[in-house]
């Protein structure tokens, strides 16, 4: 499955949650490199998801960015499926 397909499924799901504001980060020439694919505020918590296929690997910059988010008190994860996001969110907020 393509990263784009996974991202669309995750974003569609997140937008159904009543306490979630989420968007897809579209990297371009003017955005900061390494920012995760999906950013959301859910139940008052900052959560970011870097989407990869089952064989995809994080770049060094993505690893560093995820650590910076965690060090700032946010949550950030590499995910490969909607089911993985749902499991993560069960630990973040009641659903």
C-alpha atoms as a PDB file:
ATOM      1  CA  UNK A   1       0.000   0.000   0.000  1.00  0.00           C
ATOM      2  CA  UNK A   2       1.302   3.475  -0.834  1.00  0.00           C
ATOM      3  CA  UNK A   3       2.102   6.008   1.907  1.00  0.00           C
ATOM      4  CA  UNK A   4      -0.453   8.354   0.353  1.00  0.00           C
ATOM      5  CA  UNK A   5      -3.203   5.722   0.693  1.00  0.00           C
ATOM      6  CA  UNK A   6      -2.270   5.049   4.325  1.00  0.00           C
ATOM      7  CA  UNK A   7      -2.206   8.787   5.059  1.00  0.00           C
ATOM      8  CA  UNK A   8      -5.638   9.328   3.519  1.00  0.00           C
ATOM      9  CA  UNK A   9      -7.154   6.539   5.634  1.00  0.00           C
ATOM     10  CA  UNK A  10      -5.577   7.883   8.823  1.00  0.00           C
ATOM     11  CA  UNK A  11      -6.636  11.459   8.155  1.00  0.00           C
ATOM     12  CA  UNK A  12     -10.189  10.418   7.283  1.00  0.00           C
ATOM     13  CA  UNK A  13     -10.406   8.509  10.588  1.00  0.00           C
ATOM     14  CA  UNK A  14      -8.914  11.337  12.666  1.00  0.00           C
ATOM     15  CA  UNK A  15     -11.429  13.806  11.239  1.00  0.00           C
ATOM     16  CA  UNK A  16     -14.267  11.654  12.621  1.00  0.00           C
ATOM     17  CA  UNK A  17     -13.034  12.066  16.204  1.00  0.00           C
ATOM     18  CA  UNK A  18     -14.868  14.852  18.045  1.00  0.00           C
ATOM     19  CA  UNK A  19     -11.865  16.113  20.020  1.00  0.00           C
ATOM     20  CA  UNK A  20      -9.367  16.044  17.153  1.00  0.00           C
ATOM     21  CA  UNK A  21      -8.044  18.727  14.824  1.00  0.00           C
ATOM     22  CA  UNK A  22      -5.802  17.113  12.202  1.00  0.00           C
ATOM     23  CA  UNK A  23      -4.131  17.986   8.931  1.00  0.00           C
ATOM     24  CA  UNK A  24      -1.746  16.527   6.383  1.00  0.00           C
ATOM     25  CA  UNK A  25       1.592  18.292   6.252  1.00  0.00           C
ATOM     26  CA  UNK A  26       2.461  18.836   2.604  1.00  0.00           C
ATOM     27  CA  UNK A  27       6.202  19.316   2.438  1.00  0.00           C
ATOM     28  CA  UNK A  28       7.291  21.899  -0.056  1.00  0.00           C
ATOM     29  CA  UNK A  29      10.088  24.373  -0.685  1.00  0.00           C
ATOM     30  CA  UNK A  30       8.853  26.662   2.103  1.00  0.00           C
ATOM     31  CA  UNK A  31       8.118  24.120   4.855  1.00  0.00           C
ATOM     32  CA  UNK A  32      10.563  22.800   7.400  1.00  0.00           C
ATOM     33  CA  UNK A  33      12.074  19.468   6.371  1.00  0.00           C
ATOM     34  CA  UNK A  34      11.490  16.455   8.590  1.00  0.00           C
ATOM     35  CA  UNK A  35       8.049  17.443   9.880  1.00  0.00           C
ATOM     36  CA  UNK A  36       5.799  14.356  10.226  1.00  0.00           C
ATOM     37  CA  UNK A  37       3.120  13.665   7.614  1.00  0.00           C
ATOM     38  CA  UNK A  38       0.080  14.129   9.863  1.00  0.00           C
ATOM     39  CA  UNK A  39      -0.141  16.591  12.727  1.00  0.00           C
ATOM     40  CA  UNK A  40      -3.038  16.704  15.148  1.00  0.00           C
ATOM     41  CA  UNK A  41      -4.224  18.071  18.438  1.00  0.00           C
ATOM     42  CA  UNK A  42      -6.310  15.370  20.051  1.00  0.00           C
ATOM     43  CA  UNK A  43      -7.881  15.735  23.453  1.00  0.00           C
ATOM     44  CA  UNK A  44      -5.508  18.622  24.130  1.00  0.00           C
ATOM     45  CA  UNK A  45      -2.415  16.617  23.205  1.00  0.00           C
ATOM     46  CA  UNK A  46      -0.044  17.301  20.331  1.00  0.00           C
ATOM     47  CA  UNK A  47       0.368  14.115  18.280  1.00  0.00           C
ATOM     48  CA  UNK A  48       2.339  13.629  15.056  1.00  0.00           C
ATOM     49  CA  UNK A  49       2.481  10.630  12.735  1.00  0.00           C
ATOM     50  CA  UNK A  50       5.225   9.914  10.227  1.00  0.00           C
ATOM     51  CA  UNK A  51       3.759   7.467   7.738  1.00  0.00           C
ATOM     52  CA  UNK A  52       5.822   4.751   6.114  1.00  0.00           C
ATOM     53  CA  UNK A  53       5.073   1.584   4.199  1.00  0.00           C
ATOM     54  CA  UNK A  54       5.816  -1.683   5.984  1.00  0.00           C
ATOM     55  CA  UNK A  55       9.338  -1.602   4.542  1.00  0.00           C
ATOM     56  CA  UNK A  56       9.896   2.156   4.829  1.00  0.00           C
ATOM     57  CA  UNK A  57      12.530   3.612   7.118  1.00  0.00           C
ATOM     58  CA  UNK A  58      12.791   6.991   8.804  1.00  0.00           C
ATOM     59  CA  UNK A  59      15.434   9.373   7.537  1.00  0.00           C
ATOM     60  CA  UNK A  60      17.922  10.713  10.081  1.00  0.00           C
ATOM     61  CA  UNK A  61      16.164  14.099   9.938  1.00  0.00           C
ATOM     62  CA  UNK A  62      12.777  12.456  10.612  1.00  0.00           C
ATOM     63  CA  UNK A  63      14.252  10.596  13.598  1.00  0.00           C
ATOM     64  CA  UNK A  64      15.669  13.841  14.985  1.00  0.00           C
ATOM     65  CA  UNK A  65      12.380  15.692  14.472  1.00  0.00           C
ATOM     66  CA  UNK A  66      10.399  12.960  16.257  1.00  0.00           C
ATOM     67  CA  UNK A  67      12.819  13.177  19.200  1.00  0.00           C
ATOM     68  CA  UNK A  68      12.489  16.985  19.297  1.00  0.00           C
ATOM     69  CA  UNK A  69       8.691  16.677  19.426  1.00  0.00           C
ATOM     70  CA  UNK A  70       8.937  14.168  22.285  1.00  0.00           C
ATOM     71  CA  UNK A  71      11.447  16.348  24.151  1.00  0.00           C
ATOM     72  CA  UNK A  72       9.002  19.255  23.864  1.00  0.00           C
ATOM     73  CA  UNK A  73       6.246  17.182  25.510  1.00  0.00           C
ATOM     74  CA  UNK A  74       4.432  16.110  22.357  1.00  0.00           C
ATOM     75  CA  UNK A  75       3.846  12.634  21.028  1.00  0.00           C
ATOM     76  CA  UNK A  76       5.283  11.458  17.719  1.00  0.00           C
ATOM     77  CA  UNK A  77       5.254   8.068  16.049  1.00  0.00           C
ATOM     78  CA  UNK A  78       6.292   6.240  12.901  1.00  0.00           C
ATOM     79  CA  UNK A  79       3.202   4.327  11.718  1.00  0.00           C
ATOM     80  CA  UNK A  80       2.464   1.926   8.888  1.00  0.00           C
ATOM     81  CA  UNK A  81      -1.321   1.544   9.126  1.00  0.00           C
ATOM     82  CA  UNK A  82      -4.593   2.937  10.400  1.00  0.00           C
ATOM     83  CA  UNK A  83      -4.816   0.057  12.883  1.00  0.00           C
ATOM     84  CA  UNK A  84      -1.487   1.105  14.379  1.00  0.00           C
ATOM     85  CA  UNK A  85      -2.783   4.670  14.819  1.00  0.00           C
ATOM     86  CA  UNK A  86      -5.937   3.376  16.520  1.00  0.00           C
ATOM     87  CA  UNK A  87      -3.836   1.326  18.975  1.00  0.00           C
ATOM     88  CA  UNK A  88      -1.657   4.339  19.766  1.00  0.00           C
ATOM     89  CA  UNK A  89      -4.661   6.589  20.314  1.00  0.00           C
ATOM     90  CA  UNK A  90      -6.253   4.134  22.768  1.00  0.00           C
ATOM     91  CA  UNK A  91      -3.325   4.939  25.036  1.00  0.00           C
ATOM     92  CA  UNK A  92      -3.639   8.691  24.434  1.00  0.00           C
ATOM     93  CA  UNK A  93      -7.382   9.198  24.860  1.00  0.00           C
ATOM     94  CA  UNK A  94     -10.543   7.234  25.511  1.00  0.00           C
ATOM     95  CA  UNK A  95     -12.324   6.367  22.284  1.00  0.00           C
END
